[in-house]
Each structure stands twice: as structure tokens, then as C-alpha cells.
Amino acid sequence: MMWIFLLSDTFIFSCFLIAYGTVRMSTTIPWPNPSEVFALTIGGTHVPLLLIAIMTFVLITSSGTMALAVNYGYRKNKMVTFWLLLATALLGAAFVGMQAFEWTKLIVDEGVRPWGNPMGAPQFGAIFFMVTGFHGTHVSIGVLFLGIMAVKVLRGNMDTGKPGFMTGRKQDYNMVEIMGLYWHFVDLVWVFIFAVFYLW
């Protein structure tokens, strides 16, 4: 079932990125330079894409902790699996926090809105907030479910095969792998967003 969901989400994200490319290539007003728009000022120096690089590092690292959680889950090592799921959730929450900072900076400091943009093409704000917001929603939902999964692992639900909430299906460590599929998908989508939106 997760594969069907991920396939449908792949189509949605693909449509968003294709729409971004179409809008960017068809606009007659200059598109803002990502290196300038997403630069951080540290000590009076503009550092291009620093926050985005940190966000990418955090999300890729969370993919590693998730892979380890799946590995230790299949070894039935409850405590290590719990801590790795918790670490993955915390890294995901850090990513969402940095994205909130990025949005605040763009809206408050730069004046970017979904209907306008003082730095160039007005479509920039709409497509940026749509793509990154949709992805951020996926990360936020993933963080929530990672927390739920971590609690289930800690309580021993995966070891006892206790049925899950509102379902008769017995729980096992395969659920950690299913959660891992979702999390790796979210990470992979970010790599495409990073390459297409921030580097192009």
C-alpha cells in the first residue's frame, strides 16, 4: 500500500517541479538569483545557500539514522531502534524549523509573497511556497509518525504483535521499514527540490 501512495506522491511532486520549470522558462521578467535570495548574512558577509546546505545535510543525515533504525528493528533491538527513530524525528523537526526560519526571512525581510516578489518574477513566491510548503508538510507528517512509531517500539508493541490502533493487523518491525520507505522518499524529493529550485 505504501508503494502506491509513494507512486501517487511522485506524480504530484513531478507535476510541481515540471510546473516550476515551465513557469521559470516562460516568464519574461527576470527570475531571482537563488544564491542571493537564499543567502545568509553572517558577520556582514553574504554566504550563499548556507541555510539550504545545512537543511540538506540534516535531512540526508536523518535518512542514515532511519536506515539504521530499520536495520536494528529487524534485529529486534528495541532500544537502539527507539533512539534511532527518535533521532530521525528530531532531525526532521530541525529541518522543519529551519524551513520556517527560511520562510520568515523571505516573507518578513525580503517581502516575498505568493502573489508578488520584489526581487523579480512574481511567480517566484507562488511556486516557492507551494513546492517547499508541500514538502514541509510531508516532513512534518513524517516527524509525527516517527514519534508514534518510536513510542510503539519502546512499549514493545512490535515484539508482542499487539494489534494497532483501529486495526486488527498485528504490529511488527516491518512497520519500521514501511515508515523508512516514506522517510527516504521525502529525503529523495528534497534532493530534487534542492537541485531544481535552489541550484538552477
C-alpha atoms as a PDB file:
ATOM      1  CA  MET A   1       0.000   0.000   0.000  1.00  0.00           C
ATOM      2  CA  MET A   2       2.854   2.377   0.823  1.00  0.00           C
ATOM      3  CA  TRP A   3       4.305   1.878  -2.653  1.00  0.00           C
ATOM      4  CA  ILE A   4       1.024   3.028  -4.243  1.00  0.00           C
ATOM      5  CA  PHE A   5       0.978   6.119  -2.021  1.00  0.00           C
ATOM      6  CA  LEU A   6       4.601   6.909  -2.872  1.00  0.00           C
ATOM      7  CA  LEU A   7       3.914   6.473  -6.587  1.00  0.00           C
ATOM      8  CA  SER A   8       0.993   8.890  -6.443  1.00  0.00           C
ATOM      9  CA  ASP A   9       3.087  11.367  -4.457  1.00  0.00           C
ATOM     10  CA  THR A  10       5.857  11.030  -7.035  1.00  0.00           C
ATOM     11  CA  PHE A  11       3.402  12.150  -9.709  1.00  0.00           C
ATOM     12  CA  ILE A  12       2.329  15.135  -7.602  1.00  0.00           C
ATOM     13  CA  PHE A  13       5.873  16.298  -6.881  1.00  0.00           C
ATOM     14  CA  SER A  14       6.831  15.713 -10.524  1.00  0.00           C
ATOM     15  CA  CYS A  15       3.941  17.926 -11.637  1.00  0.00           C
ATOM     16  CA  PHE A  16       5.070  20.631  -9.217  1.00  0.00           C
ATOM     17  CA  LEU A  17       8.666  20.542 -10.459  1.00  0.00           C
ATOM     18  CA  ILE A  18       7.580  20.488 -14.113  1.00  0.00           C
ATOM     19  CA  ALA A  19       5.282  23.445 -13.399  1.00  0.00           C
ATOM     20  CA  TYR A  20       8.224  25.243 -11.788  1.00  0.00           C
ATOM     21  CA  GLY A  21      10.382  24.662 -14.857  1.00  0.00           C
ATOM     22  CA  THR A  22       7.592  25.787 -17.189  1.00  0.00           C
ATOM     23  CA  VAL A  23       6.895  28.950 -15.205  1.00  0.00           C
ATOM     24  CA  ARG A  24      10.565  29.800 -14.904  1.00  0.00           C
ATOM     25  CA  MET A  25      11.296  29.346 -18.600  1.00  0.00           C
ATOM     26  CA  SER A  26       8.173  31.158 -19.802  1.00  0.00           C
ATOM     27  CA  THR A  27       8.318  34.294 -17.662  1.00  0.00           C
ATOM     28  CA  THR A  28       9.589  37.453 -19.319  1.00  0.00           C
ATOM     29  CA  ILE A  29      10.562  39.076 -16.002  1.00  0.00           C
ATOM     30  CA  PRO A  30      13.983  38.027 -14.664  1.00  0.00           C
ATOM     31  CA  TRP A  31      13.918  35.184 -12.174  1.00  0.00           C
ATOM     32  CA  PRO A  32      15.557  35.948  -8.800  1.00  0.00           C
ATOM     33  CA  ASN A  33      19.061  34.557  -8.308  1.00  0.00           C
ATOM     34  CA  PRO A  34      18.811  31.755  -5.694  1.00  0.00           C
ATOM     35  CA  SER A  35      22.333  32.485  -4.427  1.00  0.00           C
ATOM     36  CA  GLU A  36      21.207  35.985  -3.471  1.00  0.00           C
ATOM     37  CA  VAL A  37      17.657  35.191  -2.351  1.00  0.00           C
ATOM     38  CA  PHE A  38      18.671  32.339  -0.047  1.00  0.00           C
ATOM     39  CA  ALA A  39      21.909  33.856   1.270  1.00  0.00           C
ATOM     40  CA  LEU A  40      22.501  34.329   4.971  1.00  0.00           C
ATOM     41  CA  THR A  41      24.398  37.306   6.313  1.00  0.00           C
ATOM     42  CA  ILE A  42      26.995  36.253   8.858  1.00  0.00           C
ATOM     43  CA  GLY A  43      29.325  38.911  10.220  1.00  0.00           C
ATOM     44  CA  GLY A  44      28.346  41.296   7.429  1.00  0.00           C
ATOM     45  CA  THR A  45      29.183  38.721   4.747  1.00  0.00           C
ATOM     46  CA  HIS A  46      26.580  37.187   2.426  1.00  0.00           C
ATOM     47  CA  VAL A  47      27.025  33.400   2.408  1.00  0.00           C
ATOM     48  CA  PRO A  48      25.019  31.939  -0.493  1.00  0.00           C
ATOM     49  CA  LEU A  49      22.808  28.899   0.184  1.00  0.00           C
ATOM     50  CA  LEU A  50      24.320  28.236   3.644  1.00  0.00           C
ATOM     51  CA  LEU A  51      20.984  27.523   5.321  1.00  0.00           C
ATOM     52  CA  ILE A  52      19.870  25.342   2.422  1.00  0.00           C
ATOM     53  CA  ALA A  53      23.115  23.359   2.607  1.00  0.00           C
ATOM     54  CA  ILE A  54      22.620  22.807   6.344  1.00  0.00           C
ATOM     55  CA  MET A  55      18.980  21.791   5.786  1.00  0.00           C
ATOM     56  CA  THR A  56      20.071  19.300   3.127  1.00  0.00           C
ATOM     57  CA  PHE A  57      22.786  17.875   5.386  1.00  0.00           C
ATOM     58  CA  VAL A  58      20.287  17.456   8.239  1.00  0.00           C
ATOM     59  CA  LEU A  59      17.738  15.691   6.038  1.00  0.00           C
ATOM     60  CA  ILE A  60      20.319  13.367   4.440  1.00  0.00           C
ATOM     61  CA  THR A  61      21.684  12.543   7.911  1.00  0.00           C
ATOM     62  CA  SER A  62      18.135  11.684   9.016  1.00  0.00           C
ATOM     63  CA  SER A  63      17.946   9.256   6.121  1.00  0.00           C
ATOM     64  CA  GLY A  64      21.017   7.499   7.540  1.00  0.00           C
ATOM     65  CA  THR A  65      19.519   7.266  11.026  1.00  0.00           C
ATOM     66  CA  MET A  66      16.292   5.918   9.530  1.00  0.00           C
ATOM     67  CA  ALA A  67      18.195   3.231   7.603  1.00  0.00           C
ATOM     68  CA  LEU A  68      19.924   2.222  10.823  1.00  0.00           C
ATOM     69  CA  ALA A  69      16.568   2.139  12.652  1.00  0.00           C
ATOM     70  CA  VAL A  70      15.220  -0.306  10.060  1.00  0.00           C
ATOM     71  CA  ASN A  71      18.363  -2.431  10.371  1.00  0.00           C
ATOM     72  CA  TYR A  72      18.210  -2.593  14.168  1.00  0.00           C
ATOM     73  CA  GLY A  73      14.461  -3.118  14.024  1.00  0.00           C
ATOM     74  CA  TYR A  74      14.907  -6.311  12.047  1.00  0.00           C
ATOM     75  CA  ARG A  75      17.492  -7.384  14.629  1.00  0.00           C
ATOM     76  CA  LYS A  76      14.741  -6.794  17.219  1.00  0.00           C
ATOM     77  CA  ASN A  77      16.971  -4.414  19.163  1.00  0.00           C
ATOM     78  CA  LYS A  78      14.187  -2.351  20.719  1.00  0.00           C
ATOM     79  CA  MET A  79      16.221   0.347  22.481  1.00  0.00           C
ATOM     80  CA  VAL A  80      18.570   1.143  19.600  1.00  0.00           C
ATOM     81  CA  THR A  81      15.624   1.226  17.181  1.00  0.00           C
ATOM     82  CA  PHE A  82      13.768   3.598  19.515  1.00  0.00           C
ATOM     83  CA  TRP A  83      16.703   6.007  19.821  1.00  0.00           C
ATOM     84  CA  LEU A  84      17.358   5.972  16.074  1.00  0.00           C
ATOM     85  CA  LEU A  85      13.688   6.685  15.318  1.00  0.00           C
ATOM     86  CA  LEU A  86      13.762   9.494  17.864  1.00  0.00           C
ATOM     87  CA  ALA A  87      16.967  10.907  16.321  1.00  0.00           C
ATOM     88  CA  THR A  88      15.359  10.773  12.874  1.00  0.00           C
ATOM     89  CA  ALA A  89      12.283  12.613  14.183  1.00  0.00           C
ATOM     90  CA  LEU A  90      14.439  15.282  15.857  1.00  0.00           C
ATOM     91  CA  LEU A  91      16.449  15.818  12.671  1.00  0.00           C
ATOM     92  CA  GLY A  92      13.201  16.103  10.717  1.00  0.00           C
ATOM     93  CA  ALA A  93      11.865  18.625  13.229  1.00  0.00           C
ATOM     94  CA  ALA A  94      15.110  20.600  12.916  1.00  0.00           C
ATOM     95  CA  PHE A  95      14.641  20.660   9.136  1.00  0.00           C
ATOM     96  CA  VAL A  96      11.068  21.967   9.503  1.00  0.00           C
ATOM     97  CA  GLY A  97      12.295  24.596  11.969  1.00  0.00           C
ATOM     98  CA  MET A  98      14.943  25.781   9.514  1.00  0.00           C
ATOM     99  CA  GLN A  99      12.335  25.885   6.762  1.00  0.00           C
ATOM    100  CA  ALA A 100      10.119  28.033   8.992  1.00  0.00           C
ATOM    101  CA  PHE A 101      13.096  30.365   9.524  1.00  0.00           C
ATOM    102  CA  GLU A 102      13.665  30.496   5.754  1.00  0.00           C
ATOM    103  CA  TRP A 103      10.006  31.345   5.085  1.00  0.00           C
ATOM    104  CA  THR A 104      10.002  34.008   7.812  1.00  0.00           C
ATOM    105  CA  LYS A 105      13.138  35.591   6.360  1.00  0.00           C
ATOM    106  CA  LEU A 106      11.631  35.663   2.867  1.00  0.00           C
ATOM    107  CA  ILE A 107       8.247  36.990   3.979  1.00  0.00           C
ATOM    108  CA  VAL A 108       9.321  39.489   6.638  1.00  0.00           C
ATOM    109  CA  ASP A 109      12.763  40.631   5.476  1.00  0.00           C
ATOM    110  CA  GLU A 110      12.515  40.239   1.696  1.00  0.00           C
ATOM    111  CA  GLY A 111       8.802  40.915   1.149  1.00  0.00           C
ATOM    112  CA  VAL A 112       8.173  37.776  -0.921  1.00  0.00           C
ATOM    113  CA  ARG A 113       4.505  36.802  -1.143  1.00  0.00           C
ATOM    114  CA  PRO A 114       2.650  34.102  -3.104  1.00  0.00           C
ATOM    115  CA  TRP A 115       1.194  36.848  -5.326  1.00  0.00           C
ATOM    116  CA  GLY A 116       4.284  39.018  -5.682  1.00  0.00           C
ATOM    117  CA  ASN A 117       8.009  39.296  -5.400  1.00  0.00           C
ATOM    118  CA  PRO A 118      10.073  42.487  -5.126  1.00  0.00           C
ATOM    119  CA  MET A 119      13.182  40.693  -6.458  1.00  0.00           C
ATOM    120  CA  GLY A 120      11.855  39.753  -9.893  1.00  0.00           C
ATOM    121  CA  ALA A 121       9.231  37.441 -11.370  1.00  0.00           C
ATOM    122  CA  PRO A 122       6.022  37.472  -9.302  1.00  0.00           C
ATOM    123  CA  GLN A 123       5.524  33.741  -9.878  1.00  0.00           C
ATOM    124  CA  PHE A 124       8.606  33.014  -7.764  1.00  0.00           C
ATOM    125  CA  GLY A 125       6.744  33.360  -4.469  1.00  0.00           C
ATOM    126  CA  ALA A 126       3.788  31.225  -5.519  1.00  0.00           C
ATOM    127  CA  ILE A 127       5.833  28.322  -6.834  1.00  0.00           C
ATOM    128  CA  PHE A 128       8.376  28.512  -3.994  1.00  0.00           C
ATOM    129  CA  PHE A 129       5.794  28.429  -1.214  1.00  0.00           C
ATOM    130  CA  MET A 130       3.763  25.727  -2.978  1.00  0.00           C
ATOM    131  CA  VAL A 131       6.671  23.329  -3.568  1.00  0.00           C
ATOM    132  CA  THR A 132       8.539  23.827  -0.287  1.00  0.00           C
ATOM    133  CA  GLY A 133       5.293  24.006   1.698  1.00  0.00           C
ATOM    134  CA  PHE A 134       4.019  20.738   0.265  1.00  0.00           C
ATOM    135  CA  HIS A 135       7.346  19.086   1.026  1.00  0.00           C
ATOM    136  CA  GLY A 136       7.480  20.617   4.506  1.00  0.00           C
ATOM    137  CA  THR A 137       4.014  19.228   5.195  1.00  0.00           C
ATOM    138  CA  HIS A 138       5.253  15.770   4.236  1.00  0.00           C
ATOM    139  CA  VAL A 139       8.254  16.136   6.555  1.00  0.00           C
ATOM    140  CA  SER A 140       6.022  17.350   9.413  1.00  0.00           C
ATOM    141  CA  ILE A 141       3.664  14.383   8.990  1.00  0.00           C
ATOM    142  CA  GLY A 142       6.696  12.094   8.877  1.00  0.00           C
ATOM    143  CA  VAL A 143       8.034  13.565  12.135  1.00  0.00           C
ATOM    144  CA  LEU A 144       4.674  12.942  13.793  1.00  0.00           C
ATOM    145  CA  PHE A 145       4.540   9.321  12.634  1.00  0.00           C
ATOM    146  CA  LEU A 146       8.193   8.744  13.558  1.00  0.00           C
ATOM    147  CA  GLY A 147       7.343   9.833  17.085  1.00  0.00           C
ATOM    148  CA  ILE A 148       4.347   7.486  17.202  1.00  0.00           C
ATOM    149  CA  MET A 149       6.464   4.638  15.817  1.00  0.00           C
ATOM    150  CA  ALA A 150       9.218   5.294  18.368  1.00  0.00           C
ATOM    151  CA  VAL A 151       6.698   5.083  21.235  1.00  0.00           C
ATOM    152  CA  LYS A 152       5.268   1.838  19.832  1.00  0.00           C
ATOM    153  CA  VAL A 153       8.753   0.337  19.596  1.00  0.00           C
ATOM    154  CA  LEU A 154       9.608   1.457  23.146  1.00  0.00           C
ATOM    155  CA  ARG A 155       6.355  -0.021  24.531  1.00  0.00           C
ATOM    156  CA  GLY A 156       7.215  -3.356  22.912  1.00  0.00           C
ATOM    157  CA  ASN A 157       4.246  -3.451  20.550  1.00  0.00           C
ATOM    158  CA  MET A 158       6.436  -4.776  17.739  1.00  0.00           C
ATOM    159  CA  ASP A 159       7.730  -7.648  19.885  1.00  0.00           C
ATOM    160  CA  THR A 160       4.339  -8.784  21.208  1.00  0.00           C
ATOM    161  CA  GLY A 161       2.456  -8.467  17.918  1.00  0.00           C
ATOM    162  CA  LYS A 162      -0.246  -6.433  19.637  1.00  0.00           C
ATOM    163  CA  PRO A 163      -2.844  -5.124  17.151  1.00  0.00           C
ATOM    164  CA  GLY A 164      -2.508  -1.470  16.238  1.00  0.00           C
ATOM    165  CA  PHE A 165      -4.915   1.365  16.931  1.00  0.00           C
ATOM    166  CA  MET A 166      -8.181   0.980  14.960  1.00  0.00           C
ATOM    167  CA  THR A 167      -6.885  -2.086  13.129  1.00  0.00           C
ATOM    168  CA  GLY A 168      -6.706  -5.806  13.718  1.00  0.00           C
ATOM    169  CA  ARG A 169      -3.343  -6.048  11.964  1.00  0.00           C
ATOM    170  CA  LYS A 170      -0.577  -7.286  14.215  1.00  0.00           C
ATOM    171  CA  GLN A 171       2.340  -4.903  14.601  1.00  0.00           C
ATOM    172  CA  ASP A 172       5.884  -5.962  13.811  1.00  0.00           C
ATOM    173  CA  TYR A 173       9.181  -4.379  12.848  1.00  0.00           C
ATOM    174  CA  ASN A 174       8.080  -4.388   9.209  1.00  0.00           C
ATOM    175  CA  MET A 175       6.177  -1.208  10.142  1.00  0.00           C
ATOM    176  CA  VAL A 176       9.508   0.491  10.826  1.00  0.00           C
ATOM    177  CA  GLU A 177      10.608  -0.399   7.314  1.00  0.00           C
ATOM    178  CA  ILE A 178       7.366   0.990   5.848  1.00  0.00           C
ATOM    179  CA  MET A 179       7.978   4.225   7.773  1.00  0.00           C
ATOM    180  CA  GLY A 180      11.525   4.149   6.390  1.00  0.00           C
ATOM    181  CA  LEU A 181      10.206   3.973   2.829  1.00  0.00           C
ATOM    182  CA  TYR A 182       8.163   7.111   3.413  1.00  0.00           C
ATOM    183  CA  TRP A 183      11.071   8.933   5.057  1.00  0.00           C
ATOM    184  CA  HIS A 184      13.549   8.035   2.305  1.00  0.00           C
ATOM    185  CA  PHE A 185      11.004   9.208  -0.269  1.00  0.00           C
ATOM    186  CA  VAL A 186      10.702  12.585   1.477  1.00  0.00           C
ATOM    187  CA  ASP A 187      14.509  12.859   1.520  1.00  0.00           C
ATOM    188  CA  LEU A 188      14.790  11.946  -2.144  1.00  0.00           C
ATOM    189  CA  VAL A 189      12.180  14.527  -3.098  1.00  0.00           C
ATOM    190  CA  TRP A 190      14.206  17.163  -1.227  1.00  0.00           C
ATOM    191  CA  VAL A 191      17.277  16.297  -3.313  1.00  0.00           C
ATOM    192  CA  PHE A 192      15.266  17.056  -6.464  1.00  0.00           C
ATOM    193  CA  ILE A 193      13.834  20.260  -4.989  1.00  0.00           C
ATOM    194  CA  PHE A 194      17.327  21.313  -3.925  1.00  0.00           C
ATOM    195  CA  ALA A 195      18.795  20.629  -7.352  1.00  0.00           C
ATOM    196  CA  VAL A 196      15.974  22.176  -9.374  1.00  0.00           C
ATOM    197  CA  PHE A 197      14.873  25.066  -7.184  1.00  0.00           C
ATOM    198  CA  TYR A 198      17.981  26.198  -5.319  1.00  0.00           C
ATOM    199  CA  LEU A 199      20.799  25.390  -7.771  1.00  0.00           C
ATOM    200  CA  TRP A 200      19.168  26.200 -11.133  1.00  0.00           C
END
